[in-house]
Amino acid sequence: MKRRSFLKLSSTASIPLMINGVALTALSNTKLTSFINGDSDRVLVLVQLQGGNDGLNTLIPLEHYNNLAEVRSDIIVPENSLINFDNGLAWHPAMSEMNQLWSDASLAVVQSVAYPNQNRSHFRSTDIWNTASAADEFESTGWLGRYFNQEHPDYPQGLPNSDCPDPFAITVGNVVSESCQGALGNFSMALRDPFAPGSINIGEQDVVPDNCYGRELSYVREIAEQTNAYGEVIINAANLGNSLSSKYGEDNELAQKLKIVARLISGGLQTKVYVVQLGGFDTHANQVNTGSTTEGTHAQLLGSLSEAICAFQDDLVKLQIDKRVVGMTYSEFGRRIRANASLGTDHGTAAPLFLFGSCIQSQIFGENPIIDTNVGNQDGVPMQYDFRDVYGTVLMDWFELEESKVKELIYEDFQKLALFEFCESTSTSNPDALIDLSIFPNPAKERISLSFKGSGEVIKISLFDGLGAELKSIANTKFNAQNHTIKVDLNNLSPGSYFIRMKSKSSHKTMKFIKV
């Protein structure tokens, strides 16, 4: 029985174009009638954790606590201060509200999310997450921008109109989200105050010359008119909307942003995507306070995140709109396994990703990170899940996009996950499906043998180093339903820690080995 069902039975989740300092809706040449203001009223809320969140200080694998304490002796939170979670995991003590979401079956945890060949630059890795590109590819459009773009490519002509009056996406803040970047502009409108979204005095309009300058001027005027029109519907929604939760912290910036989102949704605004951001996660130094590892910069950030998401979900439930909204966190990378000498952690690889809402499959996806003391100074948590599989599942199961379109817009190797429940999901994959892999010998000097059982699916087998770089593609072929053994030569590898990652359409497995 699914965990949510059991609980239910037992008790009968681009820089904007600016004119006079006002952010315009830098929107692409697209008309979105079925997605925006269409039959579906589903909403996606993205919570961006800027700077690279330390997943090993957020969710701690208790079975490896002693090993983690050895490589993080100056920053590890005392075990008796942790909040017991599930599946051998414990929360940082600042995350009590997230634990409550789990108790309410409104939270999912996807373990060790990253991408192959992890880039550890803030700018480049954020770009990869926003565009859903491969590490060695450069996309000019965001993953949501491409989705918007392919629906109705006539925008901005004729919009907004009576049938489609609302913004495509809203970023609560000063700068629009690059995840919504389209082919000609950004679909997201930057908004700071829903009661004063800003208006642009267009003034008297002269005749536009028939040349390049004239065409650009016409575009700017059209966007200005749109921004003014969108401002009116936003103010109307803000006046009609409400907030019923008492859990929003007045000094919690993220909570106040999510409070705006809840008000606009409850006020009838048909915007489908909201983006909110929380910065400060680049904790190279003073991640914890000297002599008190339960306190410090990261504890404050985790507390703000936990309180804000819990308050937002509480508000959605009280407003009776919780079945329409799902949220998802993301950050450009995790932190390294070993702490540095400055009471902090440096840029790493994978970290947990959280989804929340009443239609989320409340489950832990993947295995707990395995931590041993034989890790290099630059090693990060190895990837289990590709973030593009999470994105693709959201498009397919929440926004009901065909799988072929998801592969076209995100990536061809898309693997759908069972992230949703109670939402007419088309997902059939098993979130606990793991390939039964063994590696022998381990440690090894010259070669290893990979033993596993096929399932009649194509399985991709790759070799990664501790930094998340894909060093070798070992196999990418169909394996029938019998036992298989593959030998892998290690002679070209330097001594150290490495990982084998196996992925099929319905299952995955990441396992560490040591080259001596």
Protein backbone atom coordinates (compact mmCIF):
# COMPACT_ATOMS: atom_id res chain seq x y z
CA MET A 1 0.00 0.00 0.00
CA LYS A 2 1.28 3.49 -0.83
CA ARG A 3 2.28 5.59 2.15
CA ARG A 4 -0.25 8.36 1.44
CA SER A 5 -3.06 5.81 1.04
CA PHE A 6 -2.11 4.20 4.34
CA LEU A 7 -2.14 7.54 6.15
CA LYS A 8 -5.47 8.44 4.58
CA LEU A 9 -7.04 5.17 5.64
CA SER A 10 -5.59 5.28 9.15
CA SER A 11 -6.92 8.81 9.69
CA THR A 12 -10.26 8.18 7.69
CA ALA A 13 1.63 19.09 -1.36
CA SER A 14 17.57 36.74 -18.53
CA ILE A 15 17.59 39.88 -17.37
CA PRO A 16 14.28 41.60 -17.90
CA LEU A 17 13.71 44.39 -20.37
CA MET A 18 13.71 47.57 -18.28
CA ILE A 19 12.12 50.94 -18.96
CA ASN A 20 12.61 53.61 -16.28
CA GLY A 21 13.66 50.87 -13.87
CA VAL A 22 10.44 48.86 -14.28
CA ALA A 23 10.77 45.17 -15.25
CA LEU A 24 8.87 44.35 -18.42
CA THR A 25 7.50 40.97 -19.26
CA ALA A 26 10.23 40.06 -21.72
CA LEU A 27 8.06 37.57 -23.53
CA SER A 28 8.63 35.43 -26.55
CA ASN A 29 6.71 35.37 -29.80
CA THR A 30 4.21 32.80 -28.49
CA LYS A 31 0.49 32.48 -27.86
CA LEU A 32 -0.37 29.95 -25.20
CA THR A 33 -4.12 29.37 -25.04
CA SER A 34 -4.28 25.72 -23.96
CA PHE A 35 -1.51 25.91 -21.36
CA ILE A 36 -2.23 29.39 -20.06
CA ASN A 37 -5.90 29.92 -19.16
CA GLY A 38 -6.77 26.57 -20.70
CA ASP A 39 -8.79 23.66 -19.34
CA SER A 40 -6.08 22.72 -16.83
CA ASP A 41 -5.67 24.94 -13.79
CA ARG A 42 -2.53 23.23 -12.47
CA VAL A 43 0.30 25.38 -11.16
CA LEU A 44 4.02 24.73 -10.74
CA VAL A 45 6.06 26.63 -8.15
CA LEU A 46 9.86 26.50 -8.48
CA VAL A 47 11.97 27.27 -5.41
CA GLN A 48 15.54 28.03 -6.49
CA LEU A 49 18.22 27.61 -3.80
CA GLN A 50 20.96 29.84 -5.16
CA GLY A 51 24.56 28.95 -4.41
CA GLY A 52 24.57 25.15 -4.15
CA ASN A 53 22.85 23.52 -1.18
CA ASP A 54 24.79 21.16 1.08
CA GLY A 55 22.62 18.06 0.93
CA LEU A 56 24.73 16.17 3.48
CA ASN A 57 23.94 18.84 6.06
CA THR A 58 20.27 18.84 5.08
CA LEU A 59 19.50 15.10 5.13
CA ILE A 60 22.03 13.02 7.01
CA PRO A 61 22.41 9.24 6.36
CA LEU A 62 22.57 7.92 9.92
CA GLU A 63 24.19 4.60 9.01
CA HIS A 64 27.21 6.54 7.81
CA TYR A 65 27.13 9.23 10.48
CA ASN A 66 30.47 8.25 12.05
CA ASN A 67 32.21 8.33 8.68
CA LEU A 68 30.62 11.66 7.86
CA ALA A 69 31.72 13.02 11.22
CA GLU A 70 35.30 12.00 10.50
CA VAL A 71 35.47 13.91 7.20
CA ARG A 72 33.37 16.83 8.52
CA SER A 73 34.49 17.00 12.13
CA ASP A 74 34.30 20.82 12.34
CA ILE A 75 30.80 21.19 10.85
CA ILE A 76 28.90 17.97 11.62
CA VAL A 77 25.67 18.44 13.59
CA PRO A 78 25.62 16.32 16.78
CA GLU A 79 23.67 13.15 16.21
CA ASN A 80 21.43 13.76 19.23
CA SER A 81 20.34 17.10 17.69
CA LEU A 82 19.10 15.57 14.43
CA ILE A 83 15.43 14.99 13.65
CA ASN A 84 14.72 11.35 12.79
CA PHE A 85 13.12 11.16 9.37
CA ASP A 86 12.70 7.85 7.52
CA ASN A 87 14.72 5.14 5.79
CA GLY A 88 17.79 5.71 7.97
CA LEU A 89 17.83 9.47 7.33
CA ALA A 90 17.68 12.42 9.69
CA TRP A 91 16.91 16.08 9.10
CA HIS A 92 19.04 19.01 10.15
CA PRO A 93 17.40 20.36 13.34
CA ALA A 94 16.26 23.48 11.45
CA MET A 95 14.02 21.35 9.18
CA SER A 96 11.24 20.41 11.60
CA GLU A 97 8.51 21.89 9.40
CA MET A 98 9.65 19.80 6.42
CA ASN A 99 9.39 16.76 8.63
CA GLN A 100 5.80 17.77 9.34
CA LEU A 101 5.11 17.91 5.59
CA TRP A 102 6.39 14.35 5.38
CA SER A 103 4.04 13.34 8.21
CA ASP A 104 1.21 14.96 6.24
CA ALA A 105 2.21 12.93 3.13
CA SER A 106 2.91 16.14 1.20
CA LEU A 107 6.63 15.77 0.55
CA ALA A 108 8.84 13.71 -1.76
CA VAL A 109 12.62 13.42 -1.59
CA VAL A 110 14.65 12.57 -4.69
CA GLN A 111 18.12 11.53 -3.59
CA SER A 112 21.40 12.56 -5.24
CA VAL A 113 20.12 14.65 -8.16
CA ALA A 114 22.65 16.07 -10.63
CA TYR A 115 23.73 15.54 -14.26
CA PRO A 116 26.65 13.77 -15.96
CA ASN A 117 29.93 15.69 -16.09
CA GLN A 118 29.03 18.08 -13.31
CA ASN A 119 30.18 21.66 -13.87
CA ARG A 120 31.13 23.38 -10.62
CA SER A 121 30.81 26.96 -11.84
CA HIS A 122 27.77 28.73 -10.34
CA PHE A 123 26.99 30.49 -13.61
CA ARG A 124 27.40 27.56 -15.95
CA SER A 125 25.72 24.99 -13.70
CA THR A 126 22.76 27.30 -13.05
CA ASP A 127 22.51 27.74 -16.81
CA ILE A 128 22.46 23.96 -17.25
CA TRP A 129 19.68 23.52 -14.68
CA ASN A 130 17.64 26.36 -16.18
CA THR A 131 18.00 25.19 -19.78
CA ALA A 132 18.04 21.40 -19.13
CA SER A 133 21.00 21.10 -21.45
CA ALA A 134 23.79 18.55 -21.33
CA ALA A 135 26.99 19.73 -19.64
CA ASP A 136 28.73 20.15 -23.01
CA GLU A 137 25.81 21.79 -24.82
CA PHE A 138 24.65 25.41 -24.75
CA GLU A 139 20.93 26.16 -25.06
CA SER A 140 19.60 29.66 -25.59
CA THR A 141 16.16 28.75 -24.21
CA GLY A 142 14.95 27.56 -20.82
CA TRP A 143 13.19 24.23 -20.32
CA LEU A 144 9.86 25.93 -19.59
CA GLY A 145 10.51 28.56 -22.24
CA ARG A 146 10.81 25.81 -24.86
CA TYR A 147 7.57 24.32 -23.66
CA PHE A 148 5.80 27.68 -23.89
CA ASN A 149 7.38 28.35 -27.27
CA GLN A 150 6.19 25.16 -28.92
CA GLU A 151 2.54 25.59 -27.93
CA HIS A 152 1.41 28.71 -29.85
CA PRO A 153 4.15 30.60 -31.68
CA ASP A 154 2.12 33.77 -32.42
CA TYR A 155 2.84 35.62 -29.18
CA PRO A 156 3.00 38.57 -28.49
CA GLN A 157 0.53 39.40 -31.24
CA GLY A 158 -2.98 39.81 -29.91
CA LEU A 159 -2.19 39.01 -26.29
CA PRO A 160 -3.33 39.49 -23.65
CA ASN A 161 -6.96 39.21 -24.75
CA SER A 162 -10.29 38.26 -23.18
CA ASP A 163 -9.60 34.55 -23.59
CA CYS A 164 -6.01 34.69 -22.38
CA PRO A 165 -5.56 37.69 -20.05
CA ASP A 166 -2.88 36.51 -17.61
CA PRO A 167 0.93 36.27 -17.57
CA PHE A 168 2.54 33.00 -18.57
CA ALA A 169 4.91 32.91 -15.60
CA ILE A 170 5.85 35.15 -12.70
CA THR A 171 9.16 35.44 -10.88
CA VAL A 172 8.60 36.98 -7.47
CA GLY A 173 11.63 39.24 -7.33
CA ASN A 174 13.60 41.70 -9.43
CA VAL A 175 14.89 39.48 -12.24
CA VAL A 176 13.02 37.02 -14.43
CA SER A 177 13.95 33.33 -14.37
CA GLU A 178 16.05 31.95 -17.21
CA SER A 179 14.08 28.69 -16.96
CA CYS A 180 11.31 30.58 -18.77
CA GLN A 181 13.51 32.02 -21.53
CA GLY A 182 11.96 31.57 -24.95
CA ALA A 183 13.34 31.95 -28.44
CA LEU A 184 12.77 35.72 -28.61
CA GLY A 185 12.43 36.72 -24.97
CA ASN A 186 11.47 35.59 -21.49
CA PHE A 187 8.02 34.32 -20.61
CA SER A 188 8.36 35.28 -16.96
CA MET A 189 7.28 38.62 -15.53
CA ALA A 190 9.33 39.98 -12.62
CA LEU A 191 7.05 41.06 -9.78
CA ARG A 192 7.90 42.56 -6.40
CA ASP A 193 4.56 43.86 -5.14
CA PRO A 194 1.28 42.42 -6.50
CA PHE A 195 -0.58 45.57 -5.45
CA ALA A 196 1.91 47.77 -7.35
CA PRO A 197 3.25 45.71 -10.26
CA GLY A 198 4.42 48.85 -12.08
CA SER A 199 3.05 50.60 -15.12
CA ILE A 200 4.76 52.23 -18.07
CA ASN A 201 3.75 55.61 -19.42
CA ILE A 202 3.78 54.99 -23.16
CA GLY A 203 2.89 58.56 -24.03
CA GLU A 204 1.83 59.84 -27.41
CA GLN A 205 2.82 57.40 -30.14
CA ASP A 206 4.29 58.81 -33.32
CA VAL A 207 4.19 57.05 -36.66
CA VAL A 208 6.64 54.14 -36.65
CA PRO A 209 9.16 54.20 -39.52
CA ASP A 210 9.30 51.18 -41.81
CA ASN A 211 12.82 50.06 -40.94
CA CYS A 212 14.75 48.02 -38.35
CA TYR A 213 14.43 50.78 -35.75
CA GLY A 214 10.70 50.96 -36.32
CA ARG A 215 10.23 47.24 -35.86
CA GLU A 216 12.19 47.29 -32.60
CA LEU A 217 10.19 50.30 -31.38
CA SER A 218 6.92 48.55 -32.21
CA TYR A 219 8.04 45.51 -30.23
CA VAL A 220 8.93 47.62 -27.19
CA ARG A 221 5.58 49.42 -27.36
CA GLU A 222 3.73 46.14 -27.62
CA ILE A 223 5.55 44.70 -24.60
CA ALA A 224 4.88 47.89 -22.64
CA GLU A 225 1.17 47.65 -23.43
CA GLN A 226 1.18 44.01 -22.37
CA THR A 227 2.94 44.80 -19.13
CA ASN A 228 0.33 47.44 -18.29
CA ALA A 229 -2.47 45.00 -19.12
CA TYR A 230 -0.90 42.25 -17.03
CA GLY A 231 -0.45 44.71 -14.17
CA GLU A 232 -4.20 45.29 -14.09
CA VAL A 233 -5.09 41.59 -13.84
CA ILE A 234 -2.41 41.06 -11.18
CA ILE A 235 -3.79 43.87 -9.03
CA ASN A 236 -7.29 42.47 -9.46
CA ALA A 237 -6.15 38.98 -8.41
CA ALA A 238 -4.25 40.38 -5.42
CA ASN A 239 -7.37 42.21 -4.27
CA LEU A 240 -9.56 39.12 -4.74
CA GLY A 241 -7.03 36.73 -3.23
CA ASN A 242 -6.36 35.88 0.37
CA SER A 243 -3.88 34.28 2.74
CA LEU A 244 -5.18 32.18 5.61
CA SER A 245 -2.06 30.66 7.15
CA SER A 246 -0.53 32.14 10.28
CA LYS A 247 2.77 30.31 9.73
CA TYR A 248 4.46 32.80 7.40
CA GLY A 249 7.42 34.40 9.19
CA GLU A 250 7.43 38.19 8.85
CA ASP A 251 11.23 38.22 8.58
CA ASN A 252 11.34 35.21 6.23
CA GLU A 253 11.93 36.57 2.73
CA LEU A 254 11.09 33.28 1.01
CA ALA A 255 7.91 32.86 3.06
CA GLN A 256 6.72 36.32 2.06
CA LYS A 257 7.36 35.53 -1.61
CA LEU A 258 5.34 32.32 -1.38
CA LYS A 259 2.60 34.21 0.43
CA ILE A 260 2.29 36.42 -2.66
CA VAL A 261 2.05 33.32 -4.84
CA ALA A 262 -0.76 31.85 -2.71
CA ARG A 263 -2.67 35.13 -2.80
CA LEU A 264 -2.46 35.42 -6.59
CA ILE A 265 -3.51 31.80 -7.18
CA SER A 266 -6.43 32.11 -4.77
CA GLY A 267 -7.37 35.42 -6.42
CA GLY A 268 -7.97 33.65 -9.72
CA LEU A 269 -4.81 34.53 -11.64
CA GLN A 270 -4.31 31.77 -14.22
CA THR A 271 -0.52 32.03 -14.36
CA LYS A 272 0.87 28.50 -14.52
CA VAL A 273 4.47 28.88 -13.31
CA TYR A 274 5.85 30.84 -10.38
CA VAL A 275 9.54 31.10 -9.51
CA VAL A 276 10.83 32.18 -6.09
CA GLN A 277 14.47 32.31 -5.05
CA LEU A 278 16.46 32.03 -1.83
CA GLY A 279 20.12 32.97 -2.01
CA GLY A 280 23.11 32.42 0.25
CA PHE A 281 23.80 28.69 -0.14
CA ASP A 282 27.39 29.18 -1.34
CA THR A 283 28.74 28.24 2.09
CA HIS A 284 32.50 28.11 1.56
CA ALA A 285 33.08 29.67 4.99
CA ASN A 286 31.17 29.93 8.25
CA GLN A 287 28.56 27.42 7.21
CA VAL A 288 28.28 26.77 10.96
CA ASN A 289 29.13 28.86 14.00
CA THR A 290 32.34 28.11 15.80
CA GLY A 291 31.57 25.77 18.67
CA SER A 292 27.88 25.41 17.72
CA THR A 293 27.36 23.41 14.54
CA THR A 294 23.56 23.49 14.86
CA GLU A 295 23.71 27.23 14.21
CA GLY A 296 25.15 29.38 11.45
CA THR A 297 24.46 30.44 7.88
CA HIS A 298 23.25 27.08 6.60
CA ALA A 299 21.00 26.48 9.60
CA GLN A 300 19.35 29.86 9.03
CA LEU A 301 18.82 29.11 5.34
CA LEU A 302 17.37 25.66 6.02
CA GLY A 303 15.10 27.11 8.67
CA SER A 304 13.82 29.75 6.25
CA LEU A 305 13.24 27.13 3.55
CA SER A 306 11.46 24.71 5.88
CA GLU A 307 9.23 27.36 7.46
CA ALA A 308 8.34 28.95 4.11
CA ILE A 309 7.36 25.75 2.32
CA CYS A 310 5.35 24.49 5.29
CA ALA A 311 3.50 27.82 5.59
CA PHE A 312 2.78 27.86 1.85
CA GLN A 313 1.38 24.32 1.87
CA ASP A 314 -0.69 25.14 4.96
CA ASP A 315 -2.07 28.18 3.16
CA LEU A 316 -2.94 26.19 0.04
CA VAL A 317 -4.84 23.64 2.12
CA LYS A 318 -6.76 26.32 4.03
CA LEU A 319 -7.56 28.11 0.76
CA GLN A 320 -8.71 24.75 -0.71
CA ILE A 321 -6.45 25.07 -3.74
CA ASP A 322 -3.81 22.54 -2.66
CA LYS A 323 -4.85 19.96 -5.28
CA ARG A 324 -3.91 22.45 -8.01
CA VAL A 325 -0.36 23.29 -6.92
CA VAL A 326 2.93 21.41 -6.71
CA GLY A 327 6.30 22.83 -5.77
CA MET A 328 9.88 21.80 -6.44
CA THR A 329 13.25 22.94 -5.10
CA TYR A 330 16.42 23.03 -7.17
CA SER A 331 20.00 24.18 -6.72
CA GLU A 332 22.92 24.27 -9.16
CA PHE A 333 24.93 21.59 -7.32
CA GLY A 334 25.55 20.02 -3.94
CA ARG A 335 28.67 20.45 -1.81
CA ARG A 336 31.75 18.26 -1.43
CA ILE A 337 31.78 15.40 1.04
CA ARG A 338 34.81 16.65 2.96
CA ALA A 339 34.57 19.95 4.78
CA ASN A 340 37.19 22.61 4.09
CA ALA A 341 39.35 24.44 6.63
CA SER A 342 37.00 27.45 6.87
CA LEU A 343 34.02 25.83 8.60
CA GLY A 344 32.43 25.37 5.21
CA THR A 345 32.06 23.19 2.14
CA ASP A 346 33.09 23.72 -1.47
CA HIS A 347 31.30 23.13 -4.78
CA GLY A 348 30.34 19.48 -5.24
CA THR A 349 28.06 17.27 -7.29
CA ALA A 350 24.66 15.80 -6.34
CA ALA A 351 22.17 16.77 -3.62
CA PRO A 352 18.57 15.91 -2.68
CA LEU A 353 15.71 17.61 -4.49
CA PHE A 354 12.34 18.15 -2.78
CA LEU A 355 8.84 18.16 -4.25
CA PHE A 356 5.87 19.22 -2.17
CA GLY A 357 2.10 19.35 -2.51
CA SER A 358 -1.05 17.34 -1.96
CA CYS A 359 -0.63 15.53 -5.29
CA ILE A 360 2.96 14.46 -4.68
CA GLN A 361 3.84 10.80 -4.21
CA SER A 362 5.13 11.08 -0.64
CA GLN A 363 8.17 8.88 -0.93
CA ILE A 364 11.96 8.80 -0.81
CA PHE A 365 13.28 8.11 -4.29
CA GLY A 366 16.68 6.45 -4.50
CA GLU A 367 19.18 5.14 -2.01
CA ASN A 368 20.88 7.01 0.82
CA PRO A 369 24.35 8.35 -0.04
CA ILE A 370 27.13 5.98 1.00
CA ILE A 371 29.80 7.87 2.89
CA ASP A 372 33.17 6.38 3.75
CA THR A 373 36.37 8.01 4.94
CA ASN A 374 38.25 7.14 1.76
CA VAL A 375 37.16 10.23 -0.16
CA GLY A 376 39.32 12.81 -1.89
CA ASN A 377 39.23 16.49 -1.04
CA GLN A 378 37.27 17.23 -4.22
CA ASP A 379 34.84 14.30 -4.19
CA GLY A 380 31.12 15.04 -4.24
CA VAL A 381 28.05 12.86 -3.71
CA PRO A 382 27.62 10.78 -6.90
CA MET A 383 24.53 11.22 -9.05
CA GLN A 384 21.65 8.77 -8.87
CA TYR A 385 18.96 10.78 -10.70
CA ASP A 386 19.38 13.09 -13.66
CA PHE A 387 17.51 16.34 -12.94
CA ARG A 388 16.10 16.27 -16.46
CA ASP A 389 14.09 13.18 -15.55
CA VAL A 390 12.41 15.19 -12.79
CA TYR A 391 11.71 18.07 -15.19
CA GLY A 392 10.37 15.72 -17.84
CA THR A 393 8.09 13.96 -15.37
CA VAL A 394 6.64 17.30 -14.28
CA LEU A 395 5.91 18.19 -17.91
CA MET A 396 4.46 14.77 -18.69
CA ASP A 397 2.44 13.96 -15.56
CA TRP A 398 1.57 17.39 -14.18
CA PHE A 399 1.17 19.36 -17.41
CA GLU A 400 0.13 16.31 -19.48
CA LEU A 401 2.67 16.62 -22.26
CA GLU A 402 3.23 13.61 -24.51
CA GLU A 403 6.36 11.57 -23.82
CA SER A 404 7.65 12.14 -27.36
CA LYS A 405 7.42 15.90 -26.81
CA VAL A 406 9.21 15.60 -23.45
CA LYS A 407 12.08 13.80 -25.15
CA GLU A 408 12.17 16.48 -27.82
CA LEU A 409 12.15 19.38 -25.35
CA ILE A 410 14.25 17.91 -22.53
CA TYR A 411 16.43 14.99 -23.69
CA GLU A 412 16.14 11.72 -25.56
CA ASP A 413 17.12 9.48 -22.62
CA PHE A 414 14.24 10.75 -20.46
CA GLN A 415 13.21 8.31 -17.71
CA LYS A 416 9.81 9.02 -16.18
CA LEU A 417 9.52 8.82 -12.41
CA ALA A 418 6.47 8.07 -10.26
CA LEU A 419 6.39 11.49 -8.60
CA PHE A 420 2.64 12.16 -8.54
CA GLU A 421 -0.41 10.67 -6.86
CA PHE A 422 -4.14 11.57 -7.00
CA CYS A 423 -3.46 13.59 -10.16
CA GLU A 424 -4.44 11.38 -13.10
CA SER A 425 -0.76 10.53 -13.55
CA THR A 426 0.27 8.46 -16.54
CA SER A 427 3.43 7.35 -14.75
CA THR A 428 4.00 3.60 -14.59
CA SER A 429 7.62 3.50 -13.45
CA ASN A 430 8.51 2.02 -10.07
CA PRO A 431 10.27 4.61 -7.89
CA ASP A 432 12.00 1.82 -5.96
CA ALA A 433 13.13 -0.12 -9.04
CA LEU A 434 16.88 -0.60 -8.66
CA ILE A 435 19.15 -2.75 -10.77
CA ASP A 436 20.68 -5.54 -8.70
CA LEU A 437 24.34 -4.76 -9.35
CA SER A 438 27.46 -6.19 -7.75
CA ILE A 439 31.10 -5.20 -8.35
CA PHE A 440 33.96 -7.63 -7.77
CA PRO A 441 36.67 -7.30 -6.67
CA ASN A 442 36.30 -4.06 -4.75
CA PRO A 443 38.87 -2.57 -4.20
CA ALA A 444 40.47 -3.59 -7.49
CA LYS A 445 43.75 -2.96 -9.28
CA GLU A 446 43.47 -3.96 -12.94
CA ARG A 447 39.81 -4.79 -13.67
CA ILE A 448 36.38 -5.23 -12.14
CA SER A 449 33.46 -7.49 -13.01
CA LEU A 450 29.96 -6.05 -13.09
CA SER A 451 27.28 -8.65 -12.37
CA PHE A 452 23.59 -7.87 -12.83
CA LYS A 453 20.33 -9.27 -14.17
CA GLY A 454 18.81 -7.77 -17.29
CA SER A 455 15.11 -7.09 -17.80
CA GLY A 456 14.80 -6.97 -21.58
CA GLU A 457 15.38 -3.20 -21.55
CA VAL A 458 18.21 -1.09 -22.90
CA ILE A 459 20.64 -0.40 -20.05
CA LYS A 460 23.22 2.37 -20.21
CA ILE A 461 26.31 1.63 -18.10
CA SER A 462 28.77 4.46 -17.44
CA LEU A 463 31.93 5.00 -15.41
CA PHE A 464 32.17 8.24 -13.36
CA ASP A 465 34.90 9.75 -11.21
CA GLY A 466 34.43 11.38 -7.81
CA LEU A 467 33.86 14.80 -9.37
CA GLY A 468 30.89 13.58 -11.41
CA ALA A 469 32.68 13.40 -14.76
CA GLU A 470 31.55 10.60 -17.09
CA LEU A 471 34.85 8.95 -18.06
CA LYS A 472 33.60 6.04 -20.15
CA SER A 473 30.46 4.58 -21.65
CA ILE A 474 30.71 0.87 -20.92
CA ALA A 475 27.51 -0.30 -22.59
CA ASN A 476 24.26 1.06 -24.01
CA THR A 477 22.31 -1.92 -25.29
CA LYS A 478 19.42 -4.26 -24.53
CA PHE A 479 20.09 -6.96 -21.93
CA ASN A 480 17.69 -9.89 -21.85
CA ALA A 481 16.21 -11.25 -18.62
CA GLN A 482 19.13 -13.31 -17.42
CA ASN A 483 22.33 -12.81 -15.45
CA HIS A 484 25.10 -10.84 -17.13
CA THR A 485 28.76 -10.16 -16.34
CA ILE A 486 30.83 -7.38 -17.89
CA LYS A 487 34.53 -6.92 -17.27
CA VAL A 488 35.87 -3.35 -17.10
CA ASP A 489 39.56 -2.60 -17.54
CA LEU A 490 40.97 -0.14 -14.96
CA ASN A 491 44.54 0.18 -16.17
CA ASN A 492 44.04 3.70 -17.51
CA LEU A 493 42.60 4.96 -14.20
CA SER A 494 44.59 6.60 -11.43
CA PRO A 495 44.11 5.20 -7.90
CA GLY A 496 41.02 6.64 -6.22
CA SER A 497 37.23 6.42 -5.90
CA TYR A 498 34.99 5.79 -8.93
CA PHE A 499 31.34 4.98 -9.60
CA ILE A 500 29.41 2.71 -11.93
CA ARG A 501 26.00 4.09 -12.92
CA MET A 502 23.43 1.88 -14.63
CA LYS A 503 20.19 3.27 -16.02
CA SER A 504 17.29 1.76 -17.93
CA LYS A 505 13.86 3.11 -18.73
CA SER A 506 12.43 1.87 -15.43
CA SER A 507 15.37 1.46 -13.06
CA HIS A 508 18.78 2.73 -12.04
CA LYS A 509 21.74 1.97 -9.79
CA THR A 510 24.89 3.85 -8.73
CA MET A 511 27.68 1.96 -6.95
CA LYS A 512 31.13 2.97 -5.76
CA PHE A 513 34.40 1.09 -6.24
CA ILE A 514 38.03 1.78 -5.35
CA LYS A 515 40.96 1.60 -7.79
CA VAL A 516 44.19 0.78 -5.93
